[in-house]
Amino acid sequence: MKTEDGLPASASGLSRCGAPAESPLMAHSEHCAPHSTLIYSLTSIIDRLEPTKWFPHSQPLEVDLGSGDGTFIAQYAQRRQDHNFLAVERLLGRLRKIDRKGLRAGLANLRLVRIEASYLLEYLLPPESVHALHVYFPDPWPKRRHRKNRLVNARFTELAAHALTPGGTVYLRTDDPDYFAQMTAVFAANTNFLLAETSVELSGILTDFERDFMAMGVVTLRAAYQLR
């Protein structure tokens, strides 16, 4: 049987740690409760994470920066059981939706963390620890005076190069032409990256925003860049 998310309904036998607190930056460390949540409770915002210890199997790690309601990452983690996935979200309500989807599907290869995506990328991900970064429909900050707040900028390309394994890939999607122009410009300017392809399989797994945009006839703009 499948749920409304297109994922198989199944019981999960994972051992997981407590749900996050209300802080938008991080979750308090809580006593571990088995069979309760896929959300990892951060105990520090200074020390680098050790994501290899969060999963039952040592596999390539992919990180979804800004996972929304988890429509994309839950489906992708279900299809790619040979990879581990970390969903990153700032909003607690969205994180709880992803948690429910992951638990229903019994995804042992999915973990969640509540924190700002830019902070996690700059301070918490270990060097050369990530096989792929997914950045789908980040806030476009359309007003000119607000563009400095955009996630994907020149600094982002430097941080991505630091976090990715050699040959790792950044996958980008947006509906905003101006932001897409900025994304492609900053990656083209960073000589550590080469233009890459997005597979048909990956392109076919939609986010919640993308599904709504498609219904309105809005075109998704995609790009991918591979670390040399």
N, C-alpha and C. Protein backbone atom coordinates (compact mmCIF):
# COMPACT_ATOMS: atom_id res chain seq x y z
N MET A 1 0.85 -1.20 0.00
CA MET A 1 0.00 0.00 0.00
C MET A 1 0.88 1.24 0.00
N LYS A 2 0.44 2.29 -0.74
CA LYS A 2 1.17 3.54 -0.77
C LYS A 2 0.37 4.65 -0.11
N THR A 3 1.09 5.62 0.44
CA THR A 3 0.45 6.78 1.05
C THR A 3 0.18 7.81 -0.02
N GLU A 4 -0.37 8.97 0.41
CA GLU A 4 -0.65 10.03 -0.53
C GLU A 4 0.62 10.65 -1.10
N ASP A 5 1.78 10.36 -0.49
CA ASP A 5 3.04 10.90 -0.96
C ASP A 5 3.68 10.02 -2.02
N GLY A 6 3.04 8.89 -2.35
CA GLY A 6 3.62 7.99 -3.31
C GLY A 6 4.64 7.06 -2.71
N LEU A 7 4.75 7.04 -1.38
CA LEU A 7 5.72 6.20 -0.70
C LEU A 7 5.02 5.00 -0.09
N PRO A 8 5.71 3.86 -0.01
CA PRO A 8 5.10 2.69 0.60
C PRO A 8 4.91 2.89 2.09
N ALA A 9 3.78 2.47 2.61
CA ALA A 9 3.54 2.55 4.05
C ALA A 9 4.17 1.35 4.72
N SER A 10 5.03 1.59 5.70
CA SER A 10 5.68 0.48 6.39
C SER A 10 6.10 0.94 7.77
N ALA A 11 6.23 0.00 8.67
CA ALA A 11 6.68 0.31 10.01
C ALA A 11 8.18 0.43 10.01
N SER A 12 8.71 1.30 10.86
CA SER A 12 10.16 1.49 10.93
C SER A 12 10.69 0.94 12.23
N GLY A 13 11.85 0.26 12.16
CA GLY A 13 12.47 -0.30 13.35
C GLY A 13 13.76 0.41 13.69
N LEU A 14 13.86 1.71 13.37
CA LEU A 14 15.09 2.44 13.60
C LEU A 14 15.18 2.91 15.04
N SER A 15 16.41 3.19 15.48
CA SER A 15 16.63 3.83 16.77
C SER A 15 16.99 5.28 16.50
N ARG A 16 16.22 6.22 17.07
CA ARG A 16 16.38 7.61 16.73
C ARG A 16 16.38 8.48 17.99
N CYS A 17 16.86 9.71 17.83
CA CYS A 17 16.93 10.62 18.96
C CYS A 17 15.83 11.65 18.90
N GLY A 18 15.67 12.38 20.00
CA GLY A 18 14.52 13.22 20.26
C GLY A 18 14.24 14.33 19.28
N ALA A 19 13.01 14.82 19.31
CA ALA A 19 12.54 15.87 18.41
C ALA A 19 13.16 17.20 18.77
N PRO A 20 13.18 18.17 17.82
CA PRO A 20 13.85 19.43 18.07
C PRO A 20 13.06 20.37 18.95
N ALA A 21 13.79 21.30 19.57
CA ALA A 21 13.16 22.35 20.34
C ALA A 21 12.67 23.44 19.40
N GLU A 22 12.17 24.54 19.95
CA GLU A 22 11.54 25.56 19.13
C GLU A 22 12.54 26.54 18.51
N SER A 23 13.84 26.48 18.88
CA SER A 23 14.80 27.42 18.32
C SER A 23 14.92 27.25 16.82
N PRO A 24 14.96 28.36 16.05
CA PRO A 24 15.12 28.24 14.60
C PRO A 24 16.53 27.85 14.20
N LEU A 25 17.49 27.96 15.12
CA LEU A 25 18.88 27.64 14.79
C LEU A 25 19.20 26.18 15.03
N MET A 26 18.81 25.66 16.18
CA MET A 26 19.20 24.30 16.48
C MET A 26 18.22 23.66 17.45
N ALA A 27 18.31 22.36 17.60
CA ALA A 27 17.49 21.63 18.54
C ALA A 27 18.29 21.36 19.79
N HIS A 28 17.62 21.35 20.92
CA HIS A 28 18.28 20.96 22.15
C HIS A 28 18.62 19.48 22.10
N SER A 29 19.66 19.10 22.81
CA SER A 29 19.96 17.69 22.94
C SER A 29 18.94 17.08 23.89
N GLU A 30 18.28 16.02 23.45
CA GLU A 30 17.27 15.39 24.27
C GLU A 30 17.58 13.91 24.45
N HIS A 31 16.96 13.33 25.43
CA HIS A 31 17.13 11.91 25.67
C HIS A 31 16.61 11.11 24.50
N CYS A 32 17.41 10.13 24.06
CA CYS A 32 17.01 9.34 22.90
C CYS A 32 15.80 8.48 23.21
N ALA A 33 14.87 8.46 22.26
CA ALA A 33 13.68 7.63 22.41
C ALA A 33 13.55 6.78 21.16
N PRO A 34 13.61 5.46 21.27
CA PRO A 34 13.55 4.62 20.08
C PRO A 34 12.21 4.72 19.38
N HIS A 35 12.23 4.52 18.07
CA HIS A 35 11.03 4.46 17.25
C HIS A 35 10.20 5.74 17.35
N SER A 36 10.84 6.89 17.40
CA SER A 36 10.07 8.11 17.57
C SER A 36 10.28 9.13 16.46
N THR A 37 11.50 9.34 16.01
CA THR A 37 11.75 10.40 15.04
C THR A 37 13.06 10.16 14.30
N LEU A 38 13.11 10.67 13.07
CA LEU A 38 14.34 10.66 12.28
C LEU A 38 15.15 11.92 12.49
N ILE A 39 14.62 12.85 13.29
CA ILE A 39 15.26 14.15 13.50
C ILE A 39 16.45 13.99 14.43
N TYR A 40 17.61 14.45 13.96
CA TYR A 40 18.81 14.39 14.79
C TYR A 40 18.89 15.64 15.65
N SER A 41 19.04 15.46 16.94
CA SER A 41 19.12 16.58 17.87
C SER A 41 20.57 17.04 17.99
N LEU A 42 20.86 18.24 17.55
CA LEU A 42 22.21 18.76 17.63
C LEU A 42 22.60 19.02 19.08
N THR A 43 23.79 18.61 19.43
CA THR A 43 24.31 18.86 20.77
C THR A 43 25.30 20.01 20.78
N SER A 44 25.70 20.47 19.59
CA SER A 44 26.65 21.57 19.47
C SER A 44 26.45 22.26 18.13
N ILE A 45 26.66 23.57 18.08
CA ILE A 45 26.66 24.29 16.82
C ILE A 45 28.07 24.79 16.51
N ILE A 46 29.05 24.21 17.20
CA ILE A 46 30.45 24.59 17.01
C ILE A 46 31.24 23.44 16.38
N ASP A 47 31.02 22.24 16.91
CA ASP A 47 31.78 21.08 16.43
C ASP A 47 31.22 20.56 15.12
N ARG A 48 32.10 20.08 14.27
CA ARG A 48 31.68 19.46 13.02
C ARG A 48 30.84 18.21 13.32
N LEU A 49 29.85 17.98 12.47
CA LEU A 49 29.01 16.81 12.62
C LEU A 49 29.75 15.54 12.22
N GLU A 50 29.24 14.42 12.64
CA GLU A 50 29.76 13.12 12.23
C GLU A 50 28.61 12.31 11.63
N PRO A 51 28.13 12.70 10.45
CA PRO A 51 26.94 12.05 9.89
C PRO A 51 27.12 10.57 9.60
N THR A 52 28.34 10.10 9.44
CA THR A 52 28.55 8.68 9.19
C THR A 52 28.06 7.83 10.36
N LYS A 53 27.97 8.42 11.54
CA LYS A 53 27.52 7.69 12.72
C LYS A 53 26.00 7.68 12.86
N TRP A 54 25.29 8.40 12.01
CA TRP A 54 23.85 8.51 12.12
C TRP A 54 23.10 7.41 11.40
N PHE A 55 23.80 6.69 10.54
CA PHE A 55 23.14 5.73 9.66
C PHE A 55 23.64 4.32 9.92
N PRO A 56 22.80 3.32 9.68
CA PRO A 56 23.22 1.93 9.91
C PRO A 56 24.25 1.43 8.91
N HIS A 57 24.33 2.09 7.73
CA HIS A 57 25.27 1.64 6.70
C HIS A 57 26.13 2.82 6.24
N SER A 58 27.40 2.54 5.98
CA SER A 58 28.32 3.54 5.45
C SER A 58 28.10 3.64 3.94
N GLN A 59 27.50 4.75 3.48
CA GLN A 59 27.15 4.94 2.08
C GLN A 59 27.36 6.40 1.72
N PRO A 60 27.46 6.71 0.43
CA PRO A 60 27.60 8.12 0.03
C PRO A 60 26.46 8.96 0.60
N LEU A 61 26.81 10.16 1.07
CA LEU A 61 25.85 11.05 1.70
C LEU A 61 25.41 12.15 0.74
N GLU A 62 24.10 12.36 0.64
CA GLU A 62 23.55 13.47 -0.12
C GLU A 62 22.77 14.38 0.84
N VAL A 63 22.91 15.68 0.65
CA VAL A 63 22.30 16.66 1.56
C VAL A 63 21.34 17.55 0.79
N ASP A 64 20.12 17.65 1.30
CA ASP A 64 19.08 18.49 0.71
C ASP A 64 18.95 19.75 1.55
N LEU A 65 19.43 20.87 1.03
CA LEU A 65 19.43 22.13 1.77
C LEU A 65 18.13 22.88 1.53
N GLY A 66 17.24 22.83 2.51
CA GLY A 66 15.93 23.44 2.38
C GLY A 66 14.95 22.46 1.79
N SER A 67 14.51 21.51 2.60
CA SER A 67 13.76 20.35 2.09
C SER A 67 12.27 20.56 1.96
N GLY A 68 11.76 21.73 2.36
CA GLY A 68 10.32 21.97 2.25
C GLY A 68 9.53 20.96 3.06
N ASP A 69 8.51 20.36 2.44
CA ASP A 69 7.72 19.37 3.17
C ASP A 69 8.23 17.95 2.95
N GLY A 70 9.38 17.83 2.28
CA GLY A 70 10.00 16.51 2.12
C GLY A 70 9.50 15.70 0.94
N THR A 71 8.68 16.29 0.08
CA THR A 71 8.15 15.55 -1.06
C THR A 71 9.28 14.96 -1.91
N PHE A 72 10.30 15.77 -2.17
CA PHE A 72 11.43 15.29 -2.98
C PHE A 72 12.28 14.29 -2.22
N ILE A 73 12.78 14.68 -1.05
CA ILE A 73 13.82 13.89 -0.39
C ILE A 73 13.29 12.53 0.07
N ALA A 74 12.03 12.45 0.47
CA ALA A 74 11.49 11.16 0.90
C ALA A 74 11.40 10.18 -0.27
N GLN A 75 10.98 10.68 -1.42
CA GLN A 75 10.90 9.81 -2.60
C GLN A 75 12.29 9.40 -3.09
N TYR A 76 13.21 10.35 -3.09
CA TYR A 76 14.55 10.06 -3.58
C TYR A 76 15.26 9.06 -2.67
N ALA A 77 15.12 9.24 -1.36
CA ALA A 77 15.74 8.31 -0.41
C ALA A 77 15.14 6.91 -0.55
N GLN A 78 13.85 6.84 -0.88
CA GLN A 78 13.21 5.55 -1.08
C GLN A 78 13.80 4.84 -2.31
N ARG A 79 14.05 5.60 -3.36
CA ARG A 79 14.56 5.01 -4.60
C ARG A 79 16.05 4.66 -4.51
N ARG A 80 16.81 5.45 -3.74
CA ARG A 80 18.25 5.24 -3.67
C ARG A 80 18.64 4.71 -2.29
N GLN A 81 18.33 3.47 -2.05
CA GLN A 81 18.65 2.87 -0.77
C GLN A 81 20.16 2.67 -0.58
N ASP A 82 20.93 2.83 -1.66
CA ASP A 82 22.39 2.69 -1.59
C ASP A 82 23.08 3.99 -1.19
N HIS A 83 22.32 5.06 -0.94
CA HIS A 83 22.87 6.32 -0.47
C HIS A 83 22.18 6.71 0.84
N ASN A 84 22.89 7.51 1.64
CA ASN A 84 22.30 8.11 2.83
C ASN A 84 21.92 9.56 2.51
N PHE A 85 20.87 10.06 3.20
CA PHE A 85 20.34 11.39 2.91
C PHE A 85 20.13 12.18 4.19
N LEU A 86 20.52 13.46 4.12
CA LEU A 86 20.29 14.38 5.22
C LEU A 86 19.40 15.52 4.71
N ALA A 87 18.23 15.68 5.31
CA ALA A 87 17.30 16.76 4.97
C ALA A 87 17.51 17.90 5.97
N VAL A 88 17.68 19.10 5.45
CA VAL A 88 17.97 20.27 6.28
C VAL A 88 16.82 21.26 6.13
N GLU A 89 16.22 21.62 7.25
CA GLU A 89 15.11 22.58 7.24
C GLU A 89 15.18 23.47 8.48
N ARG A 90 14.79 24.72 8.31
CA ARG A 90 14.75 25.65 9.43
C ARG A 90 13.40 25.62 10.14
N LEU A 91 12.32 25.37 9.40
CA LEU A 91 10.98 25.46 9.96
C LEU A 91 10.56 24.13 10.58
N LEU A 92 10.14 24.17 11.81
CA LEU A 92 9.82 22.97 12.56
C LEU A 92 8.64 22.22 11.95
N GLY A 93 7.61 22.95 11.51
CA GLY A 93 6.45 22.28 10.92
C GLY A 93 6.81 21.47 9.70
N ARG A 94 7.65 22.02 8.85
CA ARG A 94 8.09 21.29 7.67
C ARG A 94 8.91 20.07 8.06
N LEU A 95 9.78 20.23 9.03
CA LEU A 95 10.63 19.11 9.46
C LEU A 95 9.78 17.96 9.98
N ARG A 96 8.73 18.29 10.70
CA ARG A 96 7.86 17.23 11.23
C ARG A 96 7.12 16.50 10.10
N LYS A 97 6.77 17.22 9.03
CA LYS A 97 6.15 16.56 7.88
C LYS A 97 7.11 15.57 7.24
N ILE A 98 8.37 15.99 7.08
CA ILE A 98 9.36 15.08 6.51
C ILE A 98 9.55 13.88 7.41
N ASP A 99 9.57 14.11 8.69
CA ASP A 99 9.74 13.04 9.66
C ASP A 99 8.64 12.00 9.52
N ARG A 100 7.41 12.46 9.42
CA ARG A 100 6.28 11.53 9.28
C ARG A 100 6.39 10.71 7.99
N LYS A 101 6.78 11.37 6.89
CA LYS A 101 6.92 10.67 5.63
C LYS A 101 8.03 9.62 5.70
N GLY A 102 9.15 10.00 6.29
CA GLY A 102 10.26 9.06 6.40
C GLY A 102 9.94 7.88 7.29
N LEU A 103 9.23 8.12 8.37
CA LEU A 103 8.85 7.04 9.29
C LEU A 103 7.86 6.08 8.64
N ARG A 104 6.88 6.64 7.92
CA ARG A 104 5.91 5.79 7.26
C ARG A 104 6.59 4.86 6.26
N ALA A 105 7.61 5.38 5.57
CA ALA A 105 8.30 4.60 4.55
C ALA A 105 9.41 3.73 5.13
N GLY A 106 9.69 3.88 6.43
CA GLY A 106 10.74 3.08 7.05
C GLY A 106 12.12 3.37 6.48
N LEU A 107 12.43 4.63 6.28
CA LEU A 107 13.67 5.00 5.61
C LEU A 107 14.85 5.04 6.59
N ALA A 108 15.59 3.97 6.64
CA ALA A 108 16.78 3.90 7.49
C ALA A 108 17.91 4.77 6.96
N ASN A 109 17.81 5.21 5.71
CA ASN A 109 18.86 6.00 5.08
C ASN A 109 18.54 7.49 5.06
N LEU A 110 17.60 7.93 5.88
CA LEU A 110 17.22 9.35 5.94
C LEU A 110 17.32 9.87 7.36
N ARG A 111 17.97 11.02 7.53
CA ARG A 111 18.00 11.74 8.80
C ARG A 111 17.68 13.20 8.53
N LEU A 112 17.22 13.90 9.56
CA LEU A 112 16.79 15.28 9.44
C LEU A 112 17.48 16.13 10.48
N VAL A 113 17.73 17.39 10.13
CA VAL A 113 18.30 18.31 11.10
C VAL A 113 17.67 19.69 10.90
N ARG A 114 17.39 20.35 12.00
CA ARG A 114 16.77 21.67 11.96
C ARG A 114 17.82 22.75 12.20
N ILE A 115 18.15 23.46 11.14
CA ILE A 115 19.17 24.51 11.23
C ILE A 115 19.16 25.30 9.93
N GLU A 116 19.74 26.48 9.94
CA GLU A 116 19.88 27.25 8.72
C GLU A 116 20.83 26.53 7.76
N ALA A 117 20.43 26.42 6.51
CA ALA A 117 21.22 25.69 5.53
C ALA A 117 22.62 26.28 5.37
N SER A 118 22.71 27.60 5.31
CA SER A 118 24.01 28.25 5.11
C SER A 118 24.95 27.99 6.28
N TYR A 119 24.39 27.95 7.49
CA TYR A 119 25.22 27.71 8.68
C TYR A 119 25.74 26.28 8.68
N LEU A 120 24.87 25.33 8.38
CA LEU A 120 25.28 23.94 8.33
C LEU A 120 26.39 23.74 7.30
N LEU A 121 26.25 24.34 6.14
CA LEU A 121 27.24 24.17 5.09
C LEU A 121 28.58 24.77 5.48
N GLU A 122 28.56 25.93 6.11
CA GLU A 122 29.81 26.61 6.42
C GLU A 122 30.51 26.06 7.65
N TYR A 123 29.76 25.66 8.67
CA TYR A 123 30.38 25.34 9.95
C TYR A 123 30.26 23.89 10.41
N LEU A 124 29.30 23.14 9.92
CA LEU A 124 29.02 21.85 10.52
C LEU A 124 29.34 20.64 9.64
N LEU A 125 29.24 20.77 8.34
CA LEU A 125 29.54 19.62 7.48
C LEU A 125 31.05 19.40 7.42
N PRO A 126 31.51 18.18 7.63
CA PRO A 126 32.96 17.91 7.54
C PRO A 126 33.47 18.09 6.11
N PRO A 127 34.72 18.42 5.95
CA PRO A 127 35.28 18.54 4.59
C PRO A 127 35.19 17.21 3.84
N GLU A 128 34.90 17.30 2.57
CA GLU A 128 34.86 16.14 1.67
C GLU A 128 33.98 15.01 2.22
N SER A 129 32.80 15.39 2.72
CA SER A 129 31.91 14.40 3.33
C SER A 129 30.64 14.16 2.54
N VAL A 130 30.39 14.99 1.51
CA VAL A 130 29.10 14.97 0.84
C VAL A 130 29.25 14.59 -0.63
N HIS A 131 28.48 13.62 -1.05
CA HIS A 131 28.49 13.17 -2.44
C HIS A 131 27.70 14.12 -3.35
N ALA A 132 26.62 14.69 -2.83
CA ALA A 132 25.80 15.61 -3.62
C ALA A 132 25.06 16.58 -2.71
N LEU A 133 24.92 17.82 -3.20
CA LEU A 133 24.11 18.84 -2.55
C LEU A 133 22.93 19.16 -3.45
N HIS A 134 21.74 19.20 -2.86
CA HIS A 134 20.53 19.54 -3.60
C HIS A 134 20.00 20.87 -3.06
N VAL A 135 19.83 21.84 -3.94
CA VAL A 135 19.29 23.14 -3.54
C VAL A 135 18.15 23.46 -4.49
N TYR A 136 16.93 23.24 -4.03
CA TYR A 136 15.76 23.34 -4.89
C TYR A 136 14.81 24.42 -4.40
N PHE A 137 14.59 25.39 -5.26
CA PHE A 137 13.65 26.49 -5.02
C PHE A 137 13.93 27.24 -3.72
N PRO A 138 15.19 27.66 -3.52
CA PRO A 138 15.47 28.51 -2.35
C PRO A 138 14.79 29.86 -2.52
N ASP A 139 14.61 30.56 -1.42
CA ASP A 139 13.96 31.88 -1.45
C ASP A 139 14.70 32.77 -2.45
N PRO A 140 14.01 33.30 -3.47
CA PRO A 140 14.70 34.10 -4.49
C PRO A 140 15.06 35.51 -4.06
N TRP A 141 14.49 35.99 -2.95
CA TRP A 141 14.76 37.36 -2.50
C TRP A 141 14.76 38.30 -3.73
N PRO A 142 13.61 38.51 -4.36
CA PRO A 142 13.57 39.21 -5.66
C PRO A 142 13.94 40.69 -5.61
N LYS A 143 13.73 41.35 -4.48
CA LYS A 143 14.07 42.78 -4.43
C LYS A 143 15.59 42.95 -4.43
N ARG A 144 16.05 43.91 -5.20
CA ARG A 144 17.49 44.11 -5.38
C ARG A 144 18.22 44.29 -4.05
N ARG A 145 17.61 45.02 -3.14
CA ARG A 145 18.30 45.29 -1.86
C ARG A 145 18.37 44.05 -0.97
N HIS A 146 17.59 43.01 -1.31
CA HIS A 146 17.57 41.80 -0.50
C HIS A 146 18.41 40.67 -1.09
N ARG A 147 18.97 40.86 -2.28
CA ARG A 147 19.65 39.76 -2.97
C ARG A 147 20.87 39.25 -2.21
N LYS A 148 21.40 40.08 -1.33
CA LYS A 148 22.53 39.63 -0.52
C LYS A 148 22.15 38.48 0.40
N ASN A 149 20.84 38.28 0.60
CA ASN A 149 20.37 37.19 1.47
C ASN A 149 20.23 35.86 0.74
N ARG A 150 20.43 35.83 -0.56
CA ARG A 150 20.28 34.58 -1.31
C ARG A 150 21.29 33.54 -0.86
N LEU A 151 20.84 32.30 -0.82
CA LEU A 151 21.71 31.21 -0.38
C LEU A 151 22.84 30.95 -1.37
N VAL A 152 22.50 30.90 -2.65
CA VAL A 152 23.49 30.55 -3.67
C VAL A 152 24.16 31.82 -4.20
N ASN A 153 25.40 32.02 -3.77
CA ASN A 153 26.20 33.16 -4.18
C ASN A 153 27.64 32.68 -4.35
N ALA A 154 28.57 33.58 -4.56
CA ALA A 154 29.96 33.19 -4.77
C ALA A 154 30.52 32.44 -3.56
N ARG A 155 30.17 32.88 -2.38
CA ARG A 155 30.64 32.21 -1.16
C ARG A 155 30.09 30.79 -1.07
N PHE A 156 28.86 30.59 -1.51
CA PHE A 156 28.26 29.26 -1.49
C PHE A 156 29.08 28.28 -2.32
N THR A 157 29.58 28.72 -3.48
CA THR A 157 30.36 27.81 -4.32
C THR A 157 31.64 27.38 -3.62
N GLU A 158 32.24 28.26 -2.85
CA GLU A 158 33.46 27.93 -2.11
C GLU A 158 33.16 26.91 -1.00
N LEU A 159 32.05 27.13 -0.30
CA LEU A 159 31.67 26.22 0.78
C LEU A 159 31.29 24.86 0.22
N ALA A 160 30.61 24.85 -0.91
CA ALA A 160 30.23 23.58 -1.54
C ALA A 160 31.47 22.80 -1.95
N ALA A 161 32.44 23.47 -2.51
CA ALA A 161 33.69 22.81 -2.92
C ALA A 161 34.39 22.20 -1.72
N HIS A 162 34.28 22.83 -0.58
CA HIS A 162 34.91 22.33 0.64
C HIS A 162 34.19 21.10 1.19
N ALA A 163 32.87 21.09 1.10
CA ALA A 163 32.08 20.00 1.69
C ALA A 163 32.00 18.77 0.79
N LEU A 164 32.08 18.96 -0.53
CA LEU A 164 31.89 17.86 -1.46
C LEU A 164 33.12 16.96 -1.56
N THR A 165 32.87 15.69 -1.81
CA THR A 165 33.95 14.77 -2.15
C THR A 165 34.40 15.08 -3.58
N PRO A 166 35.62 14.71 -3.97
CA PRO A 166 36.05 14.90 -5.35
C PRO A 166 35.06 14.24 -6.32
N GLY A 167 34.62 14.99 -7.30
CA GLY A 167 33.62 14.48 -8.22
C GLY A 167 32.19 14.65 -7.76
N GLY A 168 32.01 15.22 -6.56
CA GLY A 168 30.66 15.46 -6.04
C GLY A 168 29.94 16.54 -6.84
N THR A 169 28.63 16.57 -6.70
CA THR A 169 27.81 17.42 -7.56
C THR A 169 26.84 18.28 -6.77
N VAL A 170 26.64 19.51 -7.25
CA VAL A 170 25.60 20.40 -6.73
C VAL A 170 24.48 20.44 -7.76
N TYR A 171 23.26 20.16 -7.31
CA TYR A 171 22.08 20.21 -8.18
C TYR A 171 21.22 21.39 -7.77
N LEU A 172 20.85 22.21 -8.75
CA LEU A 172 20.10 23.43 -8.49
C LEU A 172 18.80 23.45 -9.28
N ARG A 173 17.74 23.99 -8.64
CA ARG A 173 16.48 24.23 -9.33
C ARG A 173 15.87 25.52 -8.80
N THR A 174 15.23 26.27 -9.69
CA THR A 174 14.51 27.47 -9.28
C THR A 174 13.49 27.80 -10.37
N ASP A 175 12.51 28.60 -10.01
CA ASP A 175 11.56 29.11 -10.98
C ASP A 175 11.85 30.56 -11.32
N ASP A 176 12.87 31.15 -10.67
CA ASP A 176 13.15 32.57 -10.81
C ASP A 176 14.30 32.79 -11.80
N PRO A 177 14.04 33.38 -12.97
CA PRO A 177 15.09 33.55 -13.98
C PRO A 177 16.28 34.38 -13.50
N ASP A 178 16.03 35.43 -12.73
CA ASP A 178 17.11 36.27 -12.25
C ASP A 178 18.01 35.50 -11.29
N TYR A 179 17.40 34.75 -10.38
CA TYR A 179 18.19 33.95 -9.44
C TYR A 179 18.96 32.86 -10.19
N PHE A 180 18.33 32.27 -11.19
CA PHE A 180 19.00 31.24 -11.98
C PHE A 180 20.23 31.81 -12.67
N ALA A 181 20.11 33.02 -13.18
CA ALA A 181 21.26 33.68 -13.81
C ALA A 181 22.39 33.87 -12.81
N GLN A 182 22.03 34.23 -11.57
CA GLN A 182 23.05 34.39 -10.54
C GLN A 182 23.68 33.05 -10.19
N MET A 183 22.86 32.01 -10.03
CA MET A 183 23.38 30.67 -9.71
C MET A 183 24.40 30.21 -10.74
N THR A 184 24.02 30.30 -12.01
CA THR A 184 24.90 29.81 -13.06
C THR A 184 26.15 30.67 -13.20
N ALA A 185 26.02 31.96 -12.95
CA ALA A 185 27.18 32.86 -13.06
C ALA A 185 28.22 32.57 -11.99
N VAL A 186 27.78 32.37 -10.75
CA VAL A 186 28.76 32.16 -9.68
C VAL A 186 29.44 30.80 -9.80
N PHE A 187 28.72 29.79 -10.28
CA PHE A 187 29.36 28.49 -10.46
C PHE A 187 30.28 28.49 -11.68
N ALA A 188 29.90 29.20 -12.72
CA ALA A 188 30.77 29.29 -13.89
C ALA A 188 32.07 30.02 -13.56
N ALA A 189 32.00 30.93 -12.60
CA ALA A 189 33.18 31.70 -12.22
C ALA A 189 34.12 30.93 -11.29
N ASN A 190 33.63 29.86 -10.69
CA ASN A 190 34.46 29.06 -9.79
C ASN A 190 35.10 27.93 -10.59
N THR A 191 36.41 28.00 -10.76
CA THR A 191 37.11 27.03 -11.62
C THR A 191 37.20 25.64 -11.00
N ASN A 192 36.73 25.49 -9.76
CA ASN A 192 36.71 24.15 -9.14
C ASN A 192 35.57 23.29 -9.70
N PHE A 193 34.64 23.91 -10.42
CA PHE A 193 33.44 23.20 -10.87
C PHE A 193 33.36 23.12 -12.39
N LEU A 194 32.76 22.03 -12.85
CA LEU A 194 32.44 21.83 -14.26
C LEU A 194 30.94 21.71 -14.41
N LEU A 195 30.40 22.18 -15.50
CA LEU A 195 28.98 22.02 -15.79
C LEU A 195 28.67 20.52 -15.94
N ALA A 196 27.60 20.08 -15.33
CA ALA A 196 27.24 18.66 -15.34
C ALA A 196 25.79 18.50 -15.79
N GLU A 197 25.37 17.25 -15.89
CA GLU A 197 24.02 16.92 -16.31
C GLU A 197 23.18 16.47 -15.11
N THR A 198 21.89 16.71 -15.18
CA THR A 198 20.94 16.16 -14.22
C THR A 198 20.23 14.99 -14.89
N SER A 199 20.28 13.83 -14.26
CA SER A 199 19.70 12.64 -14.88
C SER A 199 18.19 12.79 -15.03
N VAL A 200 17.64 12.04 -15.97
CA VAL A 200 16.19 12.04 -16.18
C VAL A 200 15.48 11.55 -14.92
N GLU A 201 16.05 10.55 -14.27
CA GLU A 201 15.43 10.02 -13.05
C GLU A 201 15.35 11.09 -11.97
N LEU A 202 16.45 11.80 -11.76
CA LEU A 202 16.47 12.84 -10.72
C LEU A 202 15.54 13.99 -11.08
N SER A 203 15.54 14.39 -12.33
CA SER A 203 14.66 15.49 -12.76
C SER A 203 13.18 15.14 -12.57
N GLY A 204 12.87 13.85 -12.64
CA GLY A 204 11.48 13.42 -12.54
C GLY A 204 10.95 13.37 -11.12
N ILE A 205 11.82 13.53 -10.13
CA ILE A 205 11.38 13.54 -8.73
C ILE A 205 11.15 14.99 -8.33
N LEU A 206 9.90 15.38 -8.17
CA LEU A 206 9.54 16.78 -7.98
C LEU A 206 9.48 17.16 -6.52
N THR A 207 9.73 18.44 -6.26
CA THR A 207 9.50 18.99 -4.93
C THR A 207 8.04 19.43 -4.82
N ASP A 208 7.64 19.80 -3.60
CA ASP A 208 6.28 20.29 -3.41
C ASP A 208 6.04 21.58 -4.20
N PHE A 209 7.03 22.51 -4.18
CA PHE A 209 6.90 23.74 -4.93
C PHE A 209 6.82 23.46 -6.43
N GLU A 210 7.68 22.57 -6.88
CA GLU A 210 7.74 22.28 -8.31
C GLU A 210 6.44 21.69 -8.83
N ARG A 211 5.84 20.84 -8.04
CA ARG A 211 4.57 20.23 -8.43
C ARG A 211 3.49 21.30 -8.60
N ASP A 212 3.47 22.26 -7.68
CA ASP A 212 2.50 23.35 -7.77
C ASP A 212 2.80 24.26 -8.97
N PHE A 213 4.09 24.55 -9.17
CA PHE A 213 4.47 25.41 -10.28
C PHE A 213 4.10 24.78 -11.63
N MET A 214 4.33 23.47 -11.75
CA MET A 214 4.01 22.79 -13.00
C MET A 214 2.52 22.88 -13.30
N ALA A 215 1.70 22.77 -12.25
CA ALA A 215 0.25 22.87 -12.43
C ALA A 215 -0.16 24.25 -12.94
N MET A 216 0.67 25.27 -12.64
CA MET A 216 0.39 26.63 -13.09
C MET A 216 1.11 26.97 -14.38
N GLY A 217 1.84 26.01 -14.93
CA GLY A 217 2.57 26.24 -16.18
C GLY A 217 3.89 26.96 -16.00
N VAL A 218 4.41 27.01 -14.78
CA VAL A 218 5.68 27.67 -14.51
C VAL A 218 6.83 26.70 -14.82
N VAL A 219 7.82 27.17 -15.53
CA VAL A 219 8.94 26.34 -15.96
C VAL A 219 9.99 26.23 -14.84
N THR A 220 10.50 25.02 -14.63
CA THR A 220 11.60 24.80 -13.70
C THR A 220 12.93 24.99 -14.43
N LEU A 221 13.79 25.81 -13.86
CA LEU A 221 15.14 26.03 -14.40
C LEU A 221 16.12 25.19 -13.60
N ARG A 222 16.91 24.36 -14.28
CA ARG A 222 17.80 23.42 -13.60
C ARG A 222 19.24 23.60 -14.05
N ALA A 223 20.16 23.33 -13.15
CA ALA A 223 21.59 23.28 -13.49
C ALA A 223 22.27 22.35 -12.51
N ALA A 224 23.42 21.81 -12.92
CA ALA A 224 24.22 20.94 -12.06
C ALA A 224 25.69 21.24 -12.30
N TYR A 225 26.48 21.18 -11.24
CA TYR A 225 27.91 21.45 -11.33
C TYR A 225 28.68 20.40 -10.53
N GLN A 226 29.69 19.85 -11.17
CA GLN A 226 30.49 18.79 -10.57
C GLN A 226 31.84 19.32 -10.15
N LEU A 227 32.25 18.93 -8.95
CA LEU A 227 33.57 19.33 -8.45
C LEU A 227 34.65 18.56 -9.21
N ARG A 228 35.67 19.27 -9.64
CA ARG A 228 36.75 18.64 -10.40
C ARG A 228 37.48 17.58 -9.55
